[in-house]
Amino acid sequence: TYAERVSQTAAGLRKFLPQGQFKVPQGGYFFWIKLPGCDVQEWRKQAQAVRTDFRPGTLFSSRGGLQDYIRLSISFYDPPDIELGLERLSRSLNIHNKSGQH
């Protein structure tokens, strides 16, 4: 259900991306996560290499803002898949950070 997806995503973000700043959505199928100082465009390459993805915030800004934001969709995924995806995002962010491309 929607509530399970929201709950799983929030718990997973706290567990796997504790440096991310987010608010639990009160409606809609997207989480917006801020990762201060992160080059999300470069990180996305690492995420795709481990078979997961997100949308960089810049895709949703007409002024080039939201550079350190990502948007995650929860509409098509069951809680176990959400957990797996967030674990992969965490792994890819660790690889990204070790490469020095924050």
Protein backbone atom coordinates (compact mmCIF):
# COMPACT_ATOMS: atom_id res chain seq x y z
CA THR A 1 0.00 0.00 0.00
CA TYR A 2 0.96 3.65 -0.24
CA ALA A 3 1.49 3.92 3.52
CA GLU A 4 3.83 0.90 3.50
CA ARG A 5 5.88 2.37 0.66
CA VAL A 6 6.20 5.71 2.40
CA SER A 7 7.12 4.06 5.69
CA GLN A 8 9.67 1.74 4.06
CA THR A 9 11.27 4.58 2.13
CA ALA A 10 11.56 6.83 5.16
CA ALA A 11 13.05 4.03 7.26
CA GLY A 12 15.40 3.03 4.46
CA LEU A 13 16.60 6.58 3.94
CA ARG A 14 17.37 6.90 7.65
CA LYS A 15 19.24 3.59 7.54
CA PHE A 16 21.07 3.78 4.20
CA LEU A 17 21.37 7.52 3.49
CA PRO A 18 21.50 9.13 6.94
CA GLN A 19 23.25 12.18 5.52
CA GLY A 20 20.22 12.89 3.34
CA GLN A 21 17.71 15.52 4.41
CA PHE A 22 14.07 14.84 3.56
CA LYS A 23 10.50 15.30 4.68
CA VAL A 24 8.03 12.45 4.55
CA PRO A 25 5.52 13.29 1.80
CA GLN A 26 1.94 13.81 2.89
CA GLY A 27 0.75 12.80 -0.56
CA GLY A 28 2.23 12.01 -3.94
CA TYR A 29 4.68 9.34 -4.95
CA PHE A 30 8.01 11.13 -4.64
CA PHE A 31 10.62 11.71 -1.98
CA TRP A 32 12.92 14.68 -2.37
CA ILE A 33 16.28 14.17 -0.69
CA LYS A 34 18.89 16.87 -0.21
CA LEU A 35 22.51 15.77 -0.03
CA PRO A 36 24.48 18.96 0.70
CA GLY A 37 27.64 19.25 -1.36
CA CYS A 38 26.96 16.13 -3.42
CA ASP A 39 27.47 16.22 -7.18
CA VAL A 40 24.34 14.21 -7.95
CA GLN A 41 25.02 14.16 -11.70
CA GLU A 42 28.27 12.26 -11.13
CA TRP A 43 26.75 10.10 -8.39
CA ARG A 44 23.98 9.06 -10.75
CA LYS A 45 26.55 7.32 -12.97
CA GLN A 46 27.63 5.21 -9.99
CA ALA A 47 24.00 4.48 -9.08
CA GLN A 48 23.25 3.28 -12.59
CA ALA A 49 26.34 1.04 -12.47
CA VAL A 50 24.76 -0.84 -9.53
CA ARG A 51 21.39 -1.06 -11.31
CA THR A 52 19.43 1.66 -9.59
CA ASP A 53 18.55 5.22 -10.49
CA PHE A 54 17.06 8.50 -9.38
CA ARG A 55 16.23 11.81 -11.00
CA PRO A 56 18.57 14.72 -10.29
CA GLY A 57 16.79 17.75 -8.90
CA THR A 58 18.11 19.93 -11.72
CA LEU A 59 15.70 18.18 -14.11
CA PHE A 60 12.86 19.87 -12.23
CA SER A 61 14.28 23.38 -11.98
CA SER A 62 13.93 25.97 -14.72
CA ARG A 63 16.74 28.00 -13.15
CA GLY A 64 19.39 25.32 -12.61
CA GLY A 65 18.58 24.98 -8.93
CA LEU A 66 18.17 21.87 -6.81
CA GLN A 67 21.71 20.77 -7.68
CA ASP A 68 22.16 18.75 -4.52
CA TYR A 69 18.69 17.17 -4.54
CA ILE A 70 17.45 13.86 -5.89
CA ARG A 71 13.89 12.71 -6.46
CA LEU A 72 12.90 9.12 -5.78
CA SER A 73 9.68 7.57 -7.01
CA ILE A 74 7.89 5.04 -4.81
CA SER A 75 4.86 4.44 -7.02
CA PHE A 76 5.92 1.21 -8.73
CA TYR A 77 7.94 -0.53 -6.02
CA ASP A 78 7.03 -2.88 -3.20
CA PRO A 79 8.74 -2.41 0.19
CA PRO A 80 11.41 -5.13 -0.38
CA ASP A 81 12.36 -3.51 -3.71
CA ILE A 82 12.51 -0.09 -2.05
CA GLU A 83 14.90 -1.47 0.57
CA LEU A 84 17.09 -3.03 -2.11
CA GLY A 85 17.15 0.17 -4.14
CA LEU A 86 18.12 2.29 -1.15
CA GLU A 87 20.87 -0.16 -0.20
CA ARG A 88 22.21 0.12 -3.77
CA LEU A 89 22.03 3.91 -3.60
CA SER A 90 24.03 3.83 -0.38
CA ARG A 91 26.65 1.55 -1.94
CA SER A 92 26.91 3.75 -5.01
CA LEU A 93 27.22 6.90 -2.90
CA ASN A 94 30.09 5.32 -0.96
CA ILE A 95 31.85 4.54 -4.26
CA HIS A 96 31.18 8.08 -5.45
CA ASN A 97 32.54 9.62 -2.26
CA LYS A 98 35.69 7.48 -2.40
CA SER A 99 36.32 8.68 -5.94
CA GLY A 100 36.57 12.24 -4.61
CA GLN A 101 33.73 13.64 -6.76
CA HIS A 102 31.52 14.94 -3.94
